[in-house]
Amino acid sequence: MKIRSNLISLSRKGQTQKNVRMLSLTREALKNKAVWEKAGIKLPKFEHDEMMLNTRENPTWVHFGAGNIFRAFIAMLQQELLNLGS
């Protein structure tokens, strides 16, 4: 794998070379939803800036430190709640 600016050349033994454009995972880059959808990447269904503003104005999140084993499950539930706009 060779990295050149934001292009990566991918090739495996016996296969043709394929150039892939890298996407930057930043709040600003996430605003261009068409690019992410074209790449086949699902984005959150909520507006991040709006969620941050609402959280600052009405801090109602409660975090229970259940340990590493439960973090993925809790993250999935939080993502679903955010996607629902709850």
Protein backbone atom coordinates (compact mmCIF):
# COMPACT_ATOMS: atom_id res chain seq x y z
CA MET A 1 0.00 0.00 0.00
CA LYS A 2 1.45 3.34 -1.07
CA ILE A 3 -0.03 6.57 0.28
CA ARG A 4 0.09 9.60 -2.02
CA SER A 5 -1.68 12.67 -0.67
CA ASN A 6 -5.23 11.42 -0.32
CA LEU A 7 -5.02 8.56 -2.82
CA ILE A 8 -4.07 5.03 -1.85
CA SER A 9 -2.89 2.46 -4.39
CA LEU A 10 -4.14 -0.98 -3.41
CA SER A 11 -2.86 -4.11 -5.06
CA ARG A 12 -2.59 -7.75 -4.11
CA LYS A 13 -0.37 -10.36 -5.65
CA GLY A 14 -1.76 -11.28 -9.05
CA GLN A 15 -4.40 -8.51 -9.08
CA THR A 16 -4.55 -5.21 -10.87
CA GLN A 17 -3.80 -2.00 -9.01
CA LYS A 18 -6.75 0.05 -7.79
CA ASN A 19 -6.65 3.70 -6.70
CA VAL A 20 -8.96 4.58 -3.84
CA ARG A 21 -9.66 8.12 -2.59
CA MET A 22 -9.40 8.42 1.19
CA LEU A 23 -12.05 10.29 3.14
CA SER A 24 -11.10 12.43 6.12
CA LEU A 25 -13.19 11.68 9.19
CA THR A 26 -13.81 15.20 10.46
CA ARG A 27 -16.98 17.06 11.45
CA GLU A 28 -16.57 19.33 8.43
CA ALA A 29 -16.05 16.42 6.02
CA LEU A 30 -19.16 14.63 7.35
CA LYS A 31 -21.30 17.52 6.11
CA ASN A 32 -20.71 16.41 2.51
CA LYS A 33 -23.05 13.41 2.76
CA ALA A 34 -23.05 12.62 -0.97
CA VAL A 35 -19.33 11.72 -0.94
CA TRP A 36 -19.78 9.30 1.97
CA GLU A 37 -22.88 7.70 0.47
CA LYS A 38 -21.06 7.27 -2.87
CA ALA A 39 -18.33 5.41 -0.95
CA GLY A 40 -21.00 3.14 0.59
CA ILE A 41 -20.52 4.49 4.11
CA LYS A 42 -23.57 5.07 6.30
CA LEU A 43 -23.58 8.30 8.25
CA PRO A 44 -25.37 9.17 11.50
CA LYS A 45 -28.90 10.39 10.88
CA PHE A 46 -28.62 13.26 13.34
CA GLU A 47 -26.90 16.62 12.96
CA HIS A 48 -23.77 16.57 15.13
CA ASP A 49 -23.58 20.35 15.70
CA GLU A 50 -27.24 20.47 16.75
CA MET A 51 -26.74 17.52 19.12
CA MET A 52 -23.71 19.21 20.72
CA LEU A 53 -25.64 22.47 21.20
CA ASN A 54 -28.63 20.64 22.71
CA THR A 55 -26.34 18.67 25.02
CA ARG A 56 -24.66 21.87 26.28
CA GLU A 57 -28.01 23.58 26.87
CA ASN A 58 -29.77 20.53 28.39
CA PRO A 59 -27.18 18.08 29.75
CA THR A 60 -29.28 14.99 30.38
CA TRP A 61 -26.90 12.20 29.37
CA VAL A 62 -26.01 9.77 32.13
CA HIS A 63 -23.02 7.50 31.66
CA PHE A 64 -22.79 4.27 33.61
CA GLY A 65 -19.28 2.81 33.48
CA ALA A 66 -20.23 -0.80 32.84
CA GLY A 67 -16.80 -1.72 31.52
CA ASN A 68 -15.35 -2.46 28.12
CA ILE A 69 -17.56 -5.46 27.39
CA PHE A 70 -20.72 -3.32 27.37
CA ARG A 71 -19.40 -0.21 25.60
CA ALA A 72 -20.22 -1.42 22.09
CA PHE A 73 -23.77 -2.35 23.12
CA ILE A 74 -24.35 0.98 24.85
CA ALA A 75 -22.83 2.87 21.89
CA MET A 76 -25.23 1.09 19.54
CA LEU A 77 -28.20 2.05 21.74
CA GLN A 78 -27.04 5.67 21.93
CA GLN A 79 -26.59 5.76 18.16
CA GLU A 80 -30.14 4.46 17.66
CA LEU A 81 -31.54 7.09 20.05
CA LEU A 82 -29.63 9.83 18.25
CA ASN A 83 -30.83 8.57 14.87
CA LEU A 84 -34.42 8.66 16.14
CA GLY A 85 -33.94 12.24 17.30
CA SER A 86 -34.97 11.37 20.84
